[in-house]
Every structure is written in C-alpha cells, then in structure tokens.
Amino acid sequence: MQDVKVKEKVDQPYTEAAINIEQGFTPNSEIWNGRFAMIGFVTILLIEVLSGEGIVDFYRSVLGNLW
C-alpha cells in the first residue's frame, strides 16, 4: 500500500485577484437558461390545455379586455 500525503488547507489572505467572476456563455448560465426555457415552455403548454386556446388567442382575449 502506498503512503498518501494529504495536503493541508492553507488559509490565504483575501486579495482582489481572488475574485473570479465568469461572464458570458458559461456552463452554469446555460444550465439556468435551459431551466427557465423549460419552465416557460411548460407554462405555455398548460395555458393552452387549460384555456382551450392557443397562446396568442389567450393573450389577445386577456389583454383585449384591458385596452
């Protein structure tokens, strides 16, 4: 059996260089984008099934009463 050396955690002082903010098409942002798209798609399907109308007709009948 081999001896495994465990590296101890070293507390380092906080520096501004330690801040790593990713922007753009990162894997995490794409996962959230996909989740929100699925929620929107299921919401549209539920509106169509429960109202018996397409999404455009549903919004036309709902928003038509407001104008």
C-alpha atoms as a PDB file:
ATOM      1  CA  MET A   1       0.000   0.000   0.000  1.00  0.00           C
ATOM      2  CA  GLN A   2       1.278   3.441  -0.883  1.00  0.00           C
ATOM      3  CA  ASP A   3       1.564   6.293   1.565  1.00  0.00           C
ATOM      4  CA  VAL A   4      -0.791   9.099   0.584  1.00  0.00           C
ATOM      5  CA  LYS A   5       0.188  12.582   1.609  1.00  0.00           C
ATOM      6  CA  VAL A   6      -2.741  14.795   2.485  1.00  0.00           C
ATOM      7  CA  LYS A   7      -2.282  18.423   1.660  1.00  0.00           C
ATOM      8  CA  GLU A   8      -3.472  20.635   4.477  1.00  0.00           C
ATOM      9  CA  LYS A   9      -5.631  23.613   3.699  1.00  0.00           C
ATOM     10  CA  VAL A  10      -3.683  26.823   3.945  1.00  0.00           C
ATOM     11  CA  ASP A  11      -5.598  29.980   4.754  1.00  0.00           C
ATOM     12  CA  GLN A  12      -4.542  32.673   2.362  1.00  0.00           C
ATOM     13  CA  PRO A  13      -5.242  36.342   2.831  1.00  0.00           C
ATOM     14  CA  TYR A  14      -8.064  37.818   0.764  1.00  0.00           C
ATOM     15  CA  THR A  15      -6.936  39.712  -2.299  1.00  0.00           C
ATOM     16  CA  GLU A  16      -8.868  41.257  -5.134  1.00  0.00           C
ATOM     17  CA  ALA A  17      -7.189  38.881  -7.550  1.00  0.00           C
ATOM     18  CA  ALA A  18      -9.034  36.041  -5.804  1.00  0.00           C
ATOM     19  CA  ILE A  19     -12.368  37.240  -7.206  1.00  0.00           C
ATOM     20  CA  ASN A  20     -13.166  35.181 -10.282  1.00  0.00           C
ATOM     21  CA  ILE A  21     -16.384  36.236 -11.981  1.00  0.00           C
ATOM     22  CA  GLU A  22     -17.234  34.460 -15.197  1.00  0.00           C
ATOM     23  CA  GLN A  23     -19.428  36.222 -17.713  1.00  0.00           C
ATOM     24  CA  GLY A  24     -20.962  35.181 -20.985  1.00  0.00           C
ATOM     25  CA  PHE A  25     -21.830  31.680 -22.140  1.00  0.00           C
ATOM     26  CA  THR A  26     -20.585  29.744 -19.136  1.00  0.00           C
ATOM     27  CA  PRO A  27     -21.880  26.242 -18.402  1.00  0.00           C
ATOM     28  CA  ASN A  28     -23.702  27.477 -15.299  1.00  0.00           C
ATOM     29  CA  SER A  29     -25.505  30.266 -17.157  1.00  0.00           C
ATOM     30  CA  GLU A  30     -26.500  27.867 -19.920  1.00  0.00           C
ATOM     31  CA  ILE A  31     -27.950  25.436 -17.365  1.00  0.00           C
ATOM     32  CA  TRP A  32     -30.083  28.200 -15.829  1.00  0.00           C
ATOM     33  CA  ASN A  33     -31.110  29.440 -19.268  1.00  0.00           C
ATOM     34  CA  GLY A  34     -32.284  25.933 -20.167  1.00  0.00           C
ATOM     35  CA  ARG A  35     -34.209  25.593 -16.904  1.00  0.00           C
ATOM     36  CA  PHE A  36     -36.062  28.863 -17.437  1.00  0.00           C
ATOM     37  CA  ALA A  37     -36.806  27.905 -21.042  1.00  0.00           C
ATOM     38  CA  MET A  38     -38.314  24.600 -19.865  1.00  0.00           C
ATOM     39  CA  ILE A  39     -40.441  26.420 -17.284  1.00  0.00           C
ATOM     40  CA  GLY A  40     -41.685  28.815 -19.970  1.00  0.00           C
ATOM     41  CA  PHE A  41     -42.452  26.006 -22.395  1.00  0.00           C
ATOM     42  CA  VAL A  42     -44.412  24.027 -19.798  1.00  0.00           C
ATOM     43  CA  THR A  43     -46.283  27.196 -18.783  1.00  0.00           C
ATOM     44  CA  ILE A  44     -47.339  27.815 -22.393  1.00  0.00           C
ATOM     45  CA  LEU A  45     -48.487  24.203 -22.724  1.00  0.00           C
ATOM     46  CA  LEU A  46     -50.528  24.467 -19.514  1.00  0.00           C
ATOM     47  CA  ILE A  47     -52.170  27.701 -20.687  1.00  0.00           C
ATOM     48  CA  GLU A  48     -53.128  26.086 -23.983  1.00  0.00           C
ATOM     49  CA  VAL A  49     -54.503  22.929 -22.330  1.00  0.00           C
ATOM     50  CA  LEU A  50     -56.422  24.708 -19.567  1.00  0.00           C
ATOM     51  CA  SER A  51     -57.861  27.539 -21.669  1.00  0.00           C
ATOM     52  CA  GLY A  52     -58.536  25.586 -24.860  1.00  0.00           C
ATOM     53  CA  GLU A  53     -56.970  28.382 -26.929  1.00  0.00           C
ATOM     54  CA  GLY A  54     -53.577  28.953 -28.430  1.00  0.00           C
ATOM     55  CA  ILE A  55     -51.175  31.237 -26.600  1.00  0.00           C
ATOM     56  CA  VAL A  56     -51.733  34.148 -28.998  1.00  0.00           C
ATOM     57  CA  ASP A  57     -55.515  33.890 -28.752  1.00  0.00           C
ATOM     58  CA  PHE A  58     -55.303  33.594 -24.969  1.00  0.00           C
ATOM     59  CA  TYR A  59     -53.262  36.784 -24.621  1.00  0.00           C
ATOM     60  CA  ARG A  60     -55.466  38.545 -27.164  1.00  0.00           C
ATOM     61  CA  SER A  61     -58.571  37.715 -25.099  1.00  0.00           C
ATOM     62  CA  VAL A  62     -56.884  38.662 -21.798  1.00  0.00           C
ATOM     63  CA  LEU A  63     -55.161  41.823 -22.973  1.00  0.00           C
ATOM     64  CA  GLY A  64     -58.023  42.781 -25.284  1.00  0.00           C
ATOM     65  CA  ASN A  65     -60.155  43.486 -22.214  1.00  0.00           C
ATOM     66  CA  LEU A  66     -57.559  45.846 -20.802  1.00  0.00           C
ATOM     67  CA  TRP A  67     -57.452  48.196 -23.804  1.00  0.00           C
END
